[in-house]
Amino acid sequence: MDRPAERPALAPAEAELSWQESALCAQTGPELFFPEPGSSTREAKFLCGLCDIREACLEYALTHDERFGVWGGLSEQERYELKRRRAGRR
């Protein structure tokens, strides 16, 4: 009797990003989440609000110091302010 083939373990970097496959943003173009300067982030933030993995996305962006685009429903400035508030609590 043949055993089913085992899936190879994901490399740490791949495992860390596997949540992105389930993200609502994966079903849209990147221009929505990386708008031109002065453009609205409203639509991107709306989609983030509907996404089940918004918190994982936000934590990834904060951990990796993502400086551009909307991640986890927050803009660059909003993530910067959140990091400052969190640092102040320590």
PDB file of N, CA and C in Angstrom:
ATOM      1  N   MET A   1       0.844  -1.178   0.000  1.00  0.00           N
ATOM      2  CA  MET A   1       0.000   0.000   0.000  1.00  0.00           C
ATOM      3  C   MET A   1       0.889   1.241   0.000  1.00  0.00           C
ATOM      4  N   ASP A   2       0.628   2.135  -0.909  1.00  0.00           N
ATOM      5  CA  ASP A   2       1.413   3.364  -1.015  1.00  0.00           C
ATOM      6  C   ASP A   2       0.942   4.381   0.016  1.00  0.00           C
ATOM      7  N   ARG A   3       1.924   5.052   0.598  1.00  0.00           N
ATOM      8  CA  ARG A   3       1.606   6.130   1.532  1.00  0.00           C
ATOM      9  C   ARG A   3       1.492   7.431   0.752  1.00  0.00           C
ATOM     10  N   PRO A   4       0.575   8.287   1.165  1.00  0.00           N
ATOM     11  CA  PRO A   4       0.486   9.579   0.468  1.00  0.00           C
ATOM     12  C   PRO A   4       1.781  10.358   0.656  1.00  0.00           C
ATOM     13  N   ALA A   5       2.134  11.083  -0.361  1.00  0.00           N
ATOM     14  CA  ALA A   5       3.358  11.889  -0.295  1.00  0.00           C
ATOM     15  C   ALA A   5       3.190  12.963   0.770  1.00  0.00           C
ATOM     16  N   GLU A   6       4.221  13.132   1.559  1.00  0.00           N
ATOM     17  CA  GLU A   6       4.188  14.173   2.579  1.00  0.00           C
ATOM     18  C   GLU A   6       4.548  15.505   1.945  1.00  0.00           C
ATOM     19  N   ARG A   7       3.863  16.518   2.392  1.00  0.00           N
ATOM     20  CA  ARG A   7       4.193  17.862   1.913  1.00  0.00           C
ATOM     21  C   ARG A   7       5.470  18.309   2.588  1.00  0.00           C
ATOM     22  N   PRO A   8       6.369  18.895   1.834  1.00  0.00           N
ATOM     23  CA  PRO A   8       7.584  19.404   2.477  1.00  0.00           C
ATOM     24  C   PRO A   8       7.226  20.552   3.415  1.00  0.00           C
ATOM     25  N   ALA A   9       7.953  20.654   4.480  1.00  0.00           N
ATOM     26  CA  ALA A   9       7.722  21.747   5.431  1.00  0.00           C
ATOM     27  C   ALA A   9       8.050  23.074   4.759  1.00  0.00           C
ATOM     28  N   LEU A  10       7.291  24.072   5.101  1.00  0.00           N
ATOM     29  CA  LEU A  10       7.552  25.398   4.549  1.00  0.00           C
ATOM     30  C   LEU A  10       8.800  25.981   5.191  1.00  0.00           C
ATOM     31  N   ALA A  11       9.562  26.661   4.395  1.00  0.00           N
ATOM     32  CA  ALA A  11      10.712  27.392   4.929  1.00  0.00           C
ATOM     33  C   ALA A  11      10.169  28.483   5.846  1.00  0.00           C
ATOM     34  N   PRO A  12      10.932  28.909   6.844  1.00  0.00           N
ATOM     35  CA  PRO A  12      10.419  29.922   7.778  1.00  0.00           C
ATOM     36  C   PRO A  12       9.844  31.160   7.094  1.00  0.00           C
ATOM     37  N   ALA A  13      10.498  31.660   6.076  1.00  0.00           N
ATOM     38  CA  ALA A  13       9.991  32.859   5.392  1.00  0.00           C
ATOM     39  C   ALA A  13       8.669  32.573   4.696  1.00  0.00           C
ATOM     40  N   GLU A  14       8.533  31.383   4.098  1.00  0.00           N
ATOM     41  CA  GLU A  14       7.283  31.026   3.429  1.00  0.00           C
ATOM     42  C   GLU A  14       6.158  30.857   4.438  1.00  0.00           C
ATOM     43  N   ALA A  15       6.447  30.210   5.556  1.00  0.00           N
ATOM     44  CA  ALA A  15       5.438  30.003   6.589  1.00  0.00           C
ATOM     45  C   ALA A  15       4.962  31.342   7.143  1.00  0.00           C
ATOM     46  N   GLU A  16       5.884  32.273   7.303  1.00  0.00           N
ATOM     47  CA  GLU A  16       5.545  33.575   7.851  1.00  0.00           C
ATOM     48  C   GLU A  16       4.594  34.343   6.931  1.00  0.00           C
ATOM     49  N   LEU A  17       4.655  34.088   5.647  1.00  0.00           N
ATOM     50  CA  LEU A  17       3.829  34.806   4.676  1.00  0.00           C
ATOM     51  C   LEU A  17       2.622  34.013   4.201  1.00  0.00           C
ATOM     52  N   SER A  18       2.429  32.800   4.690  1.00  0.00           N
ATOM     53  CA  SER A  18       1.352  31.947   4.189  1.00  0.00           C
ATOM     54  C   SER A  18      -0.027  32.558   4.413  1.00  0.00           C
ATOM     55  N   TRP A  19      -0.189  33.410   5.399  1.00  0.00           N
ATOM     56  CA  TRP A  19      -1.469  34.050   5.660  1.00  0.00           C
ATOM     57  C   TRP A  19      -1.905  34.935   4.494  1.00  0.00           C
ATOM     58  N   GLN A  20      -0.951  35.409   3.708  1.00  0.00           N
ATOM     59  CA  GLN A  20      -1.281  36.316   2.607  1.00  0.00           C
ATOM     60  C   GLN A  20      -2.174  35.668   1.557  1.00  0.00           C
ATOM     61  N   GLU A  21      -2.088  34.356   1.423  1.00  0.00           N
ATOM     62  CA  GLU A  21      -2.916  33.663   0.434  1.00  0.00           C
ATOM     63  C   GLU A  21      -4.400  33.815   0.737  1.00  0.00           C
ATOM     64  N   SER A  22      -4.761  33.953   2.007  1.00  0.00           N
ATOM     65  CA  SER A  22      -6.159  34.065   2.420  1.00  0.00           C
ATOM     66  C   SER A  22      -6.644  35.506   2.518  1.00  0.00           C
ATOM     67  N   ALA A  23      -5.757  36.440   2.331  1.00  0.00           N
ATOM     68  CA  ALA A  23      -6.108  37.854   2.500  1.00  0.00           C
ATOM     69  C   ALA A  23      -6.985  38.353   1.357  1.00  0.00           C
ATOM     70  N   LEU A  24      -7.915  39.223   1.686  1.00  0.00           N
ATOM     71  CA  LEU A  24      -8.768  39.814   0.650  1.00  0.00           C
ATOM     72  C   LEU A  24      -7.958  40.618  -0.355  1.00  0.00           C
ATOM     73  N   CYS A  25      -6.864  41.216   0.100  1.00  0.00           N
ATOM     74  CA  CYS A  25      -6.050  42.023  -0.808  1.00  0.00           C
ATOM     75  C   CYS A  25      -5.392  41.168  -1.889  1.00  0.00           C
ATOM     76  N   ALA A  26      -5.262  39.872  -1.649  1.00  0.00           N
ATOM     77  CA  ALA A  26      -4.671  38.985  -2.649  1.00  0.00           C
ATOM     78  C   ALA A  26      -5.581  38.847  -3.867  1.00  0.00           C
ATOM     79  N   GLN A  27      -6.831  39.268  -3.721  1.00  0.00           N
ATOM     80  CA  GLN A  27      -7.800  39.168  -4.815  1.00  0.00           C
ATOM     81  C   GLN A  27      -7.954  40.485  -5.573  1.00  0.00           C
ATOM     82  N   THR A  28      -7.164  41.481  -5.210  1.00  0.00           N
ATOM     83  CA  THR A  28      -7.225  42.781  -5.881  1.00  0.00           C
ATOM     84  C   THR A  28      -5.831  43.173  -6.344  1.00  0.00           C
ATOM     85  N   GLY A  29      -5.747  44.254  -7.052  1.00  0.00           N
ATOM     86  CA  GLY A  29      -4.451  44.740  -7.510  1.00  0.00           C
ATOM     87  C   GLY A  29      -3.731  45.511  -6.420  1.00  0.00           C
ATOM     88  N   PRO A  30      -2.413  45.538  -6.460  1.00  0.00           N
ATOM     89  CA  PRO A  30      -1.638  46.228  -5.423  1.00  0.00           C
ATOM     90  C   PRO A  30      -1.833  47.740  -5.419  1.00  0.00           C
ATOM     91  N   GLU A  31      -2.257  48.315  -6.544  1.00  0.00           N
ATOM     92  CA  GLU A  31      -2.398  49.771  -6.598  1.00  0.00           C
ATOM     93  C   GLU A  31      -3.417  50.288  -5.583  1.00  0.00           C
ATOM     94  N   LEU A  32      -4.369  49.471  -5.197  1.00  0.00           N
ATOM     95  CA  LEU A  32      -5.349  49.878  -4.195  1.00  0.00           C
ATOM     96  C   LEU A  32      -4.684  50.066  -2.830  1.00  0.00           C
ATOM     97  N   PHE A  33      -3.696  49.239  -2.522  1.00  0.00           N
ATOM     98  CA  PHE A  33      -3.043  49.256  -1.214  1.00  0.00           C
ATOM     99  C   PHE A  33      -1.746  50.064  -1.199  1.00  0.00           C
ATOM    100  N   PHE A  34      -1.284  50.437  -2.377  1.00  0.00           N
ATOM    101  CA  PHE A  34      -0.089  51.275  -2.508  1.00  0.00           C
ATOM    102  C   PHE A  34      -0.430  52.448  -3.425  1.00  0.00           C
ATOM    103  N   PRO A  35      -1.330  53.330  -2.959  1.00  0.00           N
ATOM    104  CA  PRO A  35      -1.791  54.426  -3.818  1.00  0.00           C
ATOM    105  C   PRO A  35      -0.720  55.490  -4.028  1.00  0.00           C
ATOM    106  N   GLU A  36      -0.907  56.250  -5.075  1.00  0.00           N
ATOM    107  CA  GLU A  36      -0.029  57.385  -5.350  1.00  0.00           C
ATOM    108  C   GLU A  36      -0.154  58.389  -4.203  1.00  0.00           C
ATOM    109  N   PRO A  37       0.902  59.136  -3.922  1.00  0.00           N
ATOM    110  CA  PRO A  37       0.823  60.154  -2.865  1.00  0.00           C
ATOM    111  C   PRO A  37      -0.361  61.093  -3.090  1.00  0.00           C
ATOM    112  N   GLY A  38      -1.105  61.332  -2.038  1.00  0.00           N
ATOM    113  CA  GLY A  38      -2.265  62.204  -2.111  1.00  0.00           C
ATOM    114  C   GLY A  38      -3.549  61.494  -2.489  1.00  0.00           C
ATOM    115  N   SER A  39      -3.458  60.230  -2.916  1.00  0.00           N
ATOM    116  CA  SER A  39      -4.649  59.465  -3.275  1.00  0.00           C
ATOM    117  C   SER A  39      -5.301  58.894  -2.021  1.00  0.00           C
ATOM    118  N   SER A  40      -6.557  58.538  -2.152  1.00  0.00           N
ATOM    119  CA  SER A  40      -7.320  58.024  -1.020  1.00  0.00           C
ATOM    120  C   SER A  40      -6.955  56.575  -0.680  1.00  0.00           C
ATOM    121  N   THR A  41      -6.959  56.275   0.600  1.00  0.00           N
ATOM    122  CA  THR A  41      -6.741  54.904   1.081  1.00  0.00           C
ATOM    123  C   THR A  41      -8.060  54.297   1.573  1.00  0.00           C
ATOM    124  N   ARG A  42      -9.149  55.001   1.372  1.00  0.00           N
ATOM    125  CA  ARG A  42     -10.453  54.595   1.899  1.00  0.00           C
ATOM    126  C   ARG A  42     -10.873  53.201   1.448  1.00  0.00           C
ATOM    127  N   GLU A  43     -10.769  52.909   0.156  1.00  0.00           N
ATOM    128  CA  GLU A  43     -11.186  51.592  -0.345  1.00  0.00           C
ATOM    129  C   GLU A  43     -10.329  50.476   0.232  1.00  0.00           C
ATOM    130  N   ALA A  44      -9.034  50.696   0.307  1.00  0.00           N
ATOM    131  CA  ALA A  44      -8.136  49.685   0.866  1.00  0.00           C
ATOM    132  C   ALA A  44      -8.491  49.422   2.324  1.00  0.00           C
ATOM    133  N   LYS A  45      -8.716  50.471   3.080  1.00  0.00           N
ATOM    134  CA  LYS A  45      -9.056  50.317   4.492  1.00  0.00           C
ATOM    135  C   LYS A  45     -10.402  49.620   4.664  1.00  0.00           C
ATOM    136  N   PHE A  46     -11.335  49.888   3.766  1.00  0.00           N
ATOM    137  CA  PHE A  46     -12.631  49.218   3.816  1.00  0.00           C
ATOM    138  C   PHE A  46     -12.454  47.714   3.635  1.00  0.00           C
ATOM    139  N   LEU A  47     -11.678  47.311   2.619  1.00  0.00           N
ATOM    140  CA  LEU A  47     -11.424  45.882   2.404  1.00  0.00           C
ATOM    141  C   LEU A  47     -10.708  45.260   3.597  1.00  0.00           C
ATOM    142  N   CYS A  48      -9.750  45.963   4.148  1.00  0.00           N
ATOM    143  CA  CYS A  48      -9.041  45.457   5.331  1.00  0.00           C
ATOM    144  C   CYS A  48     -10.019  45.207   6.476  1.00  0.00           C
ATOM    145  N   GLY A  49     -10.992  46.081   6.617  1.00  0.00           N
ATOM    146  CA  GLY A  49     -11.979  45.929   7.682  1.00  0.00           C
ATOM    147  C   GLY A  49     -12.823  44.684   7.536  1.00  0.00           C
ATOM    148  N   LEU A  50     -12.949  44.180   6.321  1.00  0.00           N
ATOM    149  CA  LEU A  50     -13.717  42.961   6.065  1.00  0.00           C
ATOM    150  C   LEU A  50     -12.862  41.701   6.141  1.00  0.00           C
ATOM    151  N   CYS A  51     -11.561  41.861   6.203  1.00  0.00           N
ATOM    152  CA  CYS A  51     -10.627  40.736   6.101  1.00  0.00           C
ATOM    153  C   CYS A  51     -10.438  40.041   7.453  1.00  0.00           C
ATOM    154  N   ASP A  52     -10.526  38.713   7.432  1.00  0.00           N
ATOM    155  CA  ASP A  52     -10.378  37.911   8.652  1.00  0.00           C
ATOM    156  C   ASP A  52      -8.962  37.922   9.212  1.00  0.00           C
ATOM    157  N   ILE A  53      -7.985  38.252   8.391  1.00  0.00           N
ATOM    158  CA  ILE A  53      -6.598  38.184   8.865  1.00  0.00           C
ATOM    159  C   ILE A  53      -5.952  39.565   8.977  1.00  0.00           C
ATOM    160  N   ARG A  54      -6.784  40.555   9.143  1.00  0.00           N
ATOM    161  CA  ARG A  54      -6.298  41.933   9.254  1.00  0.00           C
ATOM    162  C   ARG A  54      -5.260  42.092  10.357  1.00  0.00           C
ATOM    163  N   GLU A  55      -5.500  41.481  11.503  1.00  0.00           N
ATOM    164  CA  GLU A  55      -4.561  41.629  12.620  1.00  0.00           C
ATOM    165  C   GLU A  55      -3.208  41.007  12.310  1.00  0.00           C
ATOM    166  N   ALA A  56      -3.198  39.841  11.657  1.00  0.00           N
ATOM    167  CA  ALA A  56      -1.925  39.204  11.282  1.00  0.00           C
ATOM    168  C   ALA A  56      -1.169  40.085  10.298  1.00  0.00           C
ATOM    169  N   CYS A  57      -1.889  40.687   9.385  1.00  0.00           N
ATOM    170  CA  CYS A  57      -1.292  41.581   8.396  1.00  0.00           C
ATOM    171  C   CYS A  57      -0.672  42.799   9.082  1.00  0.00           C
ATOM    172  N   LEU A  58      -1.411  43.387   9.997  1.00  0.00           N
ATOM    173  CA  LEU A  58      -0.914  44.562  10.710  1.00  0.00           C
ATOM    174  C   LEU A  58       0.323  44.213  11.528  1.00  0.00           C
ATOM    175  N   GLU A  59       0.288  43.099  12.230  1.00  0.00           N
ATOM    176  CA  GLU A  59       1.448  42.705  13.039  1.00  0.00           C
ATOM    177  C   GLU A  59       2.666  42.435  12.161  1.00  0.00           C
ATOM    178  N   TYR A  60       2.440  41.838  10.996  1.00  0.00           N
ATOM    179  CA  TYR A  60       3.546  41.610  10.058  1.00  0.00           C
ATOM    180  C   TYR A  60       4.162  42.951   9.656  1.00  0.00           C
ATOM    181  N   ALA A  61       3.315  43.902   9.296  1.00  0.00           N
ATOM    182  CA  ALA A  61       3.805  45.215   8.863  1.00  0.00           C
ATOM    183  C   ALA A  61       4.568  45.925   9.974  1.00  0.00           C
ATOM    184  N   LEU A  62       4.082  45.819  11.191  1.00  0.00           N
ATOM    185  CA  LEU A  62       4.757  46.467  12.314  1.00  0.00           C
ATOM    186  C   LEU A  62       6.083  45.783  12.619  1.00  0.00           C
ATOM    187  N   THR A  63       6.092  44.469  12.595  1.00  0.00           N
ATOM    188  CA  THR A  63       7.305  43.701  12.889  1.00  0.00           C
ATOM    189  C   THR A  63       8.388  43.941  11.849  1.00  0.00           C
ATOM    190  N   HIS A  64       7.979  44.058  10.582  1.00  0.00           N
ATOM    191  CA  HIS A  64       8.935  44.196   9.484  1.00  0.00           C
ATOM    192  C   HIS A  64       9.111  45.640   9.023  1.00  0.00           C
ATOM    193  N   ASP A  65       8.577  46.561   9.790  1.00  0.00           N
ATOM    194  CA  ASP A  65       8.730  47.989   9.518  1.00  0.00           C
ATOM    195  C   ASP A  65       8.365  48.349   8.079  1.00  0.00           C
ATOM    196  N   GLU A  66       7.203  47.840   7.639  1.00  0.00           N
ATOM    197  CA  GLU A  66       6.714  48.185   6.301  1.00  0.00           C
ATOM    198  C   GLU A  66       6.397  49.675   6.291  1.00  0.00           C
ATOM    199  N   ARG A  67       7.051  50.403   5.432  1.00  0.00           N
ATOM    200  CA  ARG A  67       6.905  51.859   5.439  1.00  0.00           C
ATOM    201  C   ARG A  67       5.977  52.401   4.367  1.00  0.00           C
ATOM    202  N   PHE A  68       5.510  51.553   3.482  1.00  0.00           N
ATOM    203  CA  PHE A  68       4.663  52.018   2.390  1.00  0.00           C
ATOM    204  C   PHE A  68       3.388  51.201   2.329  1.00  0.00           C
ATOM    205  N   GLY A  69       2.311  51.847   1.916  1.00  0.00           N
ATOM    206  CA  GLY A  69       1.063  51.150   1.665  1.00  0.00           C
ATOM    207  C   GLY A  69       0.181  50.976   2.889  1.00  0.00           C
ATOM    208  N   VAL A  70      -0.997  50.422   2.623  1.00  0.00           N
ATOM    209  CA  VAL A  70      -1.964  50.109   3.670  1.00  0.00           C
ATOM    210  C   VAL A  70      -1.770  48.650   4.055  1.00  0.00           C
ATOM    211  N   TRP A  71      -1.531  48.411   5.318  1.00  0.00           N
ATOM    212  CA  TRP A  71      -1.350  47.059   5.867  1.00  0.00           C
ATOM    213  C   TRP A  71      -2.238  46.947   7.094  1.00  0.00           C
ATOM    214  N   GLY A  72      -3.046  45.914   7.153  1.00  0.00           N
ATOM    215  CA  GLY A  72      -3.891  45.712   8.325  1.00  0.00           C
ATOM    216  C   GLY A  72      -4.853  46.852   8.588  1.00  0.00           C
ATOM    217  N   GLY A  73      -5.206  47.577   7.549  1.00  0.00           N
ATOM    218  CA  GLY A  73      -6.159  48.667   7.680  1.00  0.00           C
ATOM    219  C   GLY A  73      -5.570  49.999   8.102  1.00  0.00           C
ATOM    220  N   LEU A  74      -4.249  50.068   8.228  1.00  0.00           N
ATOM    221  CA  LEU A  74      -3.614  51.318   8.640  1.00  0.00           C
ATOM    222  C   LEU A  74      -2.651  51.836   7.582  1.00  0.00           C
ATOM    223  N   SER A  75      -2.609  53.153   7.464  1.00  0.00           N
ATOM    224  CA  SER A  75      -1.668  53.808   6.547  1.00  0.00           C
ATOM    225  C   SER A  75      -0.286  53.848   7.179  1.00  0.00           C
ATOM    226  N   GLU A  76       0.677  54.340   6.431  1.00  0.00           N
ATOM    227  CA  GLU A  76       2.043  54.471   6.944  1.00  0.00           C
ATOM    228  C   GLU A  76       2.068  55.301   8.224  1.00  0.00           C
ATOM    229  N   GLN A  77       1.416  56.462   8.174  1.00  0.00           N
ATOM    230  CA  GLN A  77       1.404  57.367   9.328  1.00  0.00           C
ATOM    231  C   GLN A  77       0.703  56.729  10.520  1.00  0.00           C
ATOM    232  N   GLU A  78      -0.402  56.051  10.269  1.00  0.00           N
ATOM    233  CA  GLU A  78      -1.141  55.414  11.366  1.00  0.00           C
ATOM    234  C   GLU A  78      -0.326  54.294  12.018  1.00  0.00           C
ATOM    235  N   ARG A  79       0.421  53.538  11.213  1.00  0.00           N
ATOM    236  CA  ARG A  79       1.279  52.487  11.785  1.00  0.00           C
ATOM    237  C   ARG A  79       2.409  53.103  12.597  1.00  0.00           C
ATOM    238  N   TYR A  80       2.972  54.193  12.114  1.00  0.00           N
ATOM    239  CA  TYR A  80       4.033  54.893  12.840  1.00  0.00           C
ATOM    240  C   TYR A  80       3.521  55.354  14.208  1.00  0.00           C
ATOM    241  N   GLU A  81       2.338  55.947  14.215  1.00  0.00           N
ATOM    242  CA  GLU A  81       1.760  56.426  15.471  1.00  0.00           C
ATOM    243  C   GLU A  81       1.452  55.269  16.417  1.00  0.00           C
ATOM    244  N   LEU A  82       0.962  54.155  15.883  1.00  0.00           N
ATOM    245  CA  LEU A  82       0.684  52.978  16.705  1.00  0.00           C
ATOM    246  C   LEU A  82       1.965  52.437  17.330  1.00  0.00           C
ATOM    247  N   LYS A  83       3.032  52.381  16.560  1.00  0.00           N
ATOM    248  CA  LYS A  83       4.314  51.909  17.104  1.00  0.00           C
ATOM    249  C   LYS A  83       4.804  52.828  18.220  1.00  0.00           C
ATOM    250  N   ARG A  84       4.642  54.115  18.050  1.00  0.00           N
ATOM    251  CA  ARG A  84       5.056  55.069  19.092  1.00  0.00           C
ATOM    252  C   ARG A  84       4.240  54.876  20.363  1.00  0.00           C
ATOM    253  N   ARG A  85       2.919  54.686  20.211  1.00  0.00           N
ATOM    254  CA  ARG A  85       2.069  54.469  21.390  1.00  0.00           C
ATOM    255  C   ARG A  85       2.457  53.179  22.106  1.00  0.00           C
ATOM    256  N   ARG A  86       2.694  52.117  21.332  1.00  0.00           N
ATOM    257  CA  ARG A  86       3.089  50.842  21.935  1.00  0.00           C
ATOM    258  C   ARG A  86       4.428  50.970  22.655  1.00  0.00           C
ATOM    259  N   ALA A  87       5.359  51.680  22.073  1.00  0.00           N
ATOM    260  CA  ALA A  87       6.676  51.853  22.693  1.00  0.00           C
ATOM    261  C   ALA A  87       6.561  52.653  23.988  1.00  0.00           C
ATOM    262  N   GLY A  88       5.628  53.581  24.043  1.00  0.00           N
ATOM    263  CA  GLY A  88       5.431  54.396  25.233  1.00  0.00           C
ATOM    264  C   GLY A  88       4.858  53.626  26.409  1.00  0.00           C
ATOM    265  N   ARG A  89       4.213  52.499  26.139  1.00  0.00           N
ATOM    266  CA  ARG A  89       3.615  51.684  27.200  1.00  0.00           C
ATOM    267  C   ARG A  89       4.624  50.798  27.896  1.00  0.00           C
ATOM    268  N   ARG A  90       5.790  50.638  27.330  1.00  0.00           N
ATOM    269  CA  ARG A  90       6.778  49.717  27.915  1.00  0.00           C
ATOM    270  C   ARG A  90       7.477  50.306  29.090  1.00  0.00           C
TER     271      ARG A  90
END
